[in-house]
Amino acid sequence: MTSALSEEFEELLRAHLPDLGADEPLEPDRPLLALGLDSVRMVSLIVDLEGFYSLTFPEDLMSGETFHSAHTLWQALDRCGAVAPTA
């Protein structure tokens, strides 16, 4: 499993985290809810991730656990085989 977040993933994720300052580091295990990810932003994030990585999130990954932190979301993408963009 790849553990380091890619720059592209971090950039995409940051676009959905309004409470994370532009110069503030994205701590991989910090809860995304604490950074402003709400249900509307989560849906938008899913759409962006699916488009960027050319995948469809499986139903079993549509959970609060998957979207708990940048790390858990990255692990889910890794399980989908999407640790590198196809575009």
C-alpha atoms as a PDB file:
ATOM      1  CA  MET A   1       0.000   0.000   0.000  1.00  0.00           C
ATOM      2  CA  THR A   2       1.159   3.508  -0.787  1.00  0.00           C
ATOM      3  CA  SER A   3       1.129   5.630   2.364  1.00  0.00           C
ATOM      4  CA  ALA A   4       2.329   9.052   1.162  1.00  0.00           C
ATOM      5  CA  LEU A   5      -0.415  11.299  -0.176  1.00  0.00           C
ATOM      6  CA  SER A   6       0.160  12.446  -3.740  1.00  0.00           C
ATOM      7  CA  GLU A   7       0.373  16.165  -4.453  1.00  0.00           C
ATOM      8  CA  GLU A   8      -2.570  15.869  -6.862  1.00  0.00           C
ATOM      9  CA  PHE A   9      -4.706  14.154  -4.224  1.00  0.00           C
ATOM     10  CA  GLU A  10      -3.833  16.760  -1.612  1.00  0.00           C
ATOM     11  CA  GLU A  11      -4.608  19.614  -4.006  1.00  0.00           C
ATOM     12  CA  LEU A  12      -7.952  18.088  -4.952  1.00  0.00           C
ATOM     13  CA  LEU A  13      -8.840  17.442  -1.316  1.00  0.00           C
ATOM     14  CA  ARG A  14      -7.835  20.947  -0.198  1.00  0.00           C
ATOM     15  CA  ALA A  15     -10.371  22.409  -2.643  1.00  0.00           C
ATOM     16  CA  HIS A  16     -13.124  20.824  -0.494  1.00  0.00           C
ATOM     17  CA  LEU A  17     -11.761  21.851   2.922  1.00  0.00           C
ATOM     18  CA  PRO A  18     -12.730  25.477   3.556  1.00  0.00           C
ATOM     19  CA  ASP A  19     -11.351  25.521   7.107  1.00  0.00           C
ATOM     20  CA  LEU A  20      -7.828  24.501   6.065  1.00  0.00           C
ATOM     21  CA  GLY A  21      -5.622  27.522   5.486  1.00  0.00           C
ATOM     22  CA  ALA A  22      -3.730  27.744   2.198  1.00  0.00           C
ATOM     23  CA  ASP A  23      -0.387  27.653   4.034  1.00  0.00           C
ATOM     24  CA  GLU A  24      -1.521  25.186   6.692  1.00  0.00           C
ATOM     25  CA  PRO A  25      -0.179  21.645   6.310  1.00  0.00           C
ATOM     26  CA  LEU A  26      -2.707  18.897   5.701  1.00  0.00           C
ATOM     27  CA  GLU A  27      -2.161  16.475   8.552  1.00  0.00           C
ATOM     28  CA  PRO A  28      -3.042  13.014   7.181  1.00  0.00           C
ATOM     29  CA  ASP A  29      -4.902  11.838  10.297  1.00  0.00           C
ATOM     30  CA  ARG A  30      -6.773  15.050  11.132  1.00  0.00           C
ATOM     31  CA  PRO A  31     -10.562  14.583  10.843  1.00  0.00           C
ATOM     32  CA  LEU A  32     -11.872  16.085   7.620  1.00  0.00           C
ATOM     33  CA  LEU A  33     -15.044  17.228   9.377  1.00  0.00           C
ATOM     34  CA  ALA A  34     -12.876  19.517  11.521  1.00  0.00           C
ATOM     35  CA  LEU A  35     -11.557  21.058   8.298  1.00  0.00           C
ATOM     36  CA  GLY A  36     -15.027  21.898   6.976  1.00  0.00           C
ATOM     37  CA  LEU A  37     -15.946  18.796   4.975  1.00  0.00           C
ATOM     38  CA  ASP A  38     -19.728  18.569   5.211  1.00  0.00           C
ATOM     39  CA  SER A  39     -22.149  16.314   3.348  1.00  0.00           C
ATOM     40  CA  VAL A  40     -22.502  18.646   0.350  1.00  0.00           C
ATOM     41  CA  ARG A  41     -18.733  19.050   0.001  1.00  0.00           C
ATOM     42  CA  MET A  42     -18.317  15.287   0.432  1.00  0.00           C
ATOM     43  CA  VAL A  43     -20.573  14.599  -2.547  1.00  0.00           C
ATOM     44  CA  SER A  44     -18.632  17.130  -4.599  1.00  0.00           C
ATOM     45  CA  LEU A  45     -15.357  15.544  -3.464  1.00  0.00           C
ATOM     46  CA  ILE A  46     -16.592  12.091  -4.496  1.00  0.00           C
ATOM     47  CA  VAL A  47     -17.512  13.400  -7.959  1.00  0.00           C
ATOM     48  CA  ASP A  48     -14.104  15.050  -8.327  1.00  0.00           C
ATOM     49  CA  LEU A  49     -12.216  11.965  -7.128  1.00  0.00           C
ATOM     50  CA  GLU A  50     -14.186   9.656  -9.410  1.00  0.00           C
ATOM     51  CA  GLY A  51     -13.498  11.924 -12.376  1.00  0.00           C
ATOM     52  CA  PHE A  52      -9.813  12.471 -11.629  1.00  0.00           C
ATOM     53  CA  TYR A  53      -9.060   8.815 -10.933  1.00  0.00           C
ATOM     54  CA  SER A  54     -11.551   7.400 -13.480  1.00  0.00           C
ATOM     55  CA  LEU A  55     -13.292   5.181 -10.956  1.00  0.00           C
ATOM     56  CA  THR A  56     -16.601   4.669  -9.210  1.00  0.00           C
ATOM     57  CA  PHE A  57     -16.502   4.376  -5.439  1.00  0.00           C
ATOM     58  CA  PRO A  58     -17.839   0.976  -4.393  1.00  0.00           C
ATOM     59  CA  GLU A  59     -20.827   1.083  -2.047  1.00  0.00           C
ATOM     60  CA  ASP A  60     -18.816  -0.492   0.763  1.00  0.00           C
ATOM     61  CA  LEU A  61     -16.461   2.525   0.756  1.00  0.00           C
ATOM     62  CA  MET A  62     -19.262   5.086   1.038  1.00  0.00           C
ATOM     63  CA  SER A  63     -18.911   5.476   4.787  1.00  0.00           C
ATOM     64  CA  GLY A  64     -17.842   7.903   7.441  1.00  0.00           C
ATOM     65  CA  GLU A  65     -14.764   5.749   8.044  1.00  0.00           C
ATOM     66  CA  THR A  66     -13.585   6.256   4.459  1.00  0.00           C
ATOM     67  CA  PHE A  67     -13.962  10.030   4.690  1.00  0.00           C
ATOM     68  CA  HIS A  68     -12.673  10.380   8.250  1.00  0.00           C
ATOM     69  CA  SER A  69      -9.242  11.741   7.277  1.00  0.00           C
ATOM     70  CA  ALA A  70      -6.986  12.289   4.294  1.00  0.00           C
ATOM     71  CA  HIS A  71      -5.193   9.081   5.248  1.00  0.00           C
ATOM     72  CA  THR A  72      -8.333   6.914   5.353  1.00  0.00           C
ATOM     73  CA  LEU A  73      -9.540   8.389   2.064  1.00  0.00           C
ATOM     74  CA  TRP A  74      -6.135   7.742   0.457  1.00  0.00           C
ATOM     75  CA  GLN A  75      -6.283   4.138   1.721  1.00  0.00           C
ATOM     76  CA  ALA A  76      -9.705   3.743   0.085  1.00  0.00           C
ATOM     77  CA  LEU A  77      -8.356   5.051  -3.216  1.00  0.00           C
ATOM     78  CA  ASP A  78      -5.450   2.649  -2.901  1.00  0.00           C
ATOM     79  CA  ARG A  79      -7.871  -0.252  -2.392  1.00  0.00           C
ATOM     80  CA  CYS A  80      -9.608   0.829  -5.605  1.00  0.00           C
ATOM     81  CA  GLY A  81      -6.260   0.722  -7.402  1.00  0.00           C
ATOM     82  CA  ALA A  82      -6.238   4.481  -7.946  1.00  0.00           C
ATOM     83  CA  VAL A  83      -3.054   5.650  -6.261  1.00  0.00           C
ATOM     84  CA  ALA A  84      -1.990   7.345  -9.518  1.00  0.00           C
ATOM     85  CA  PRO A  85      -4.283   9.336 -11.809  1.00  0.00           C
ATOM     86  CA  THR A  86      -5.196   7.877 -15.171  1.00  0.00           C
ATOM     87  CA  ALA A  87      -5.493  11.298 -16.808  1.00  0.00           C
END
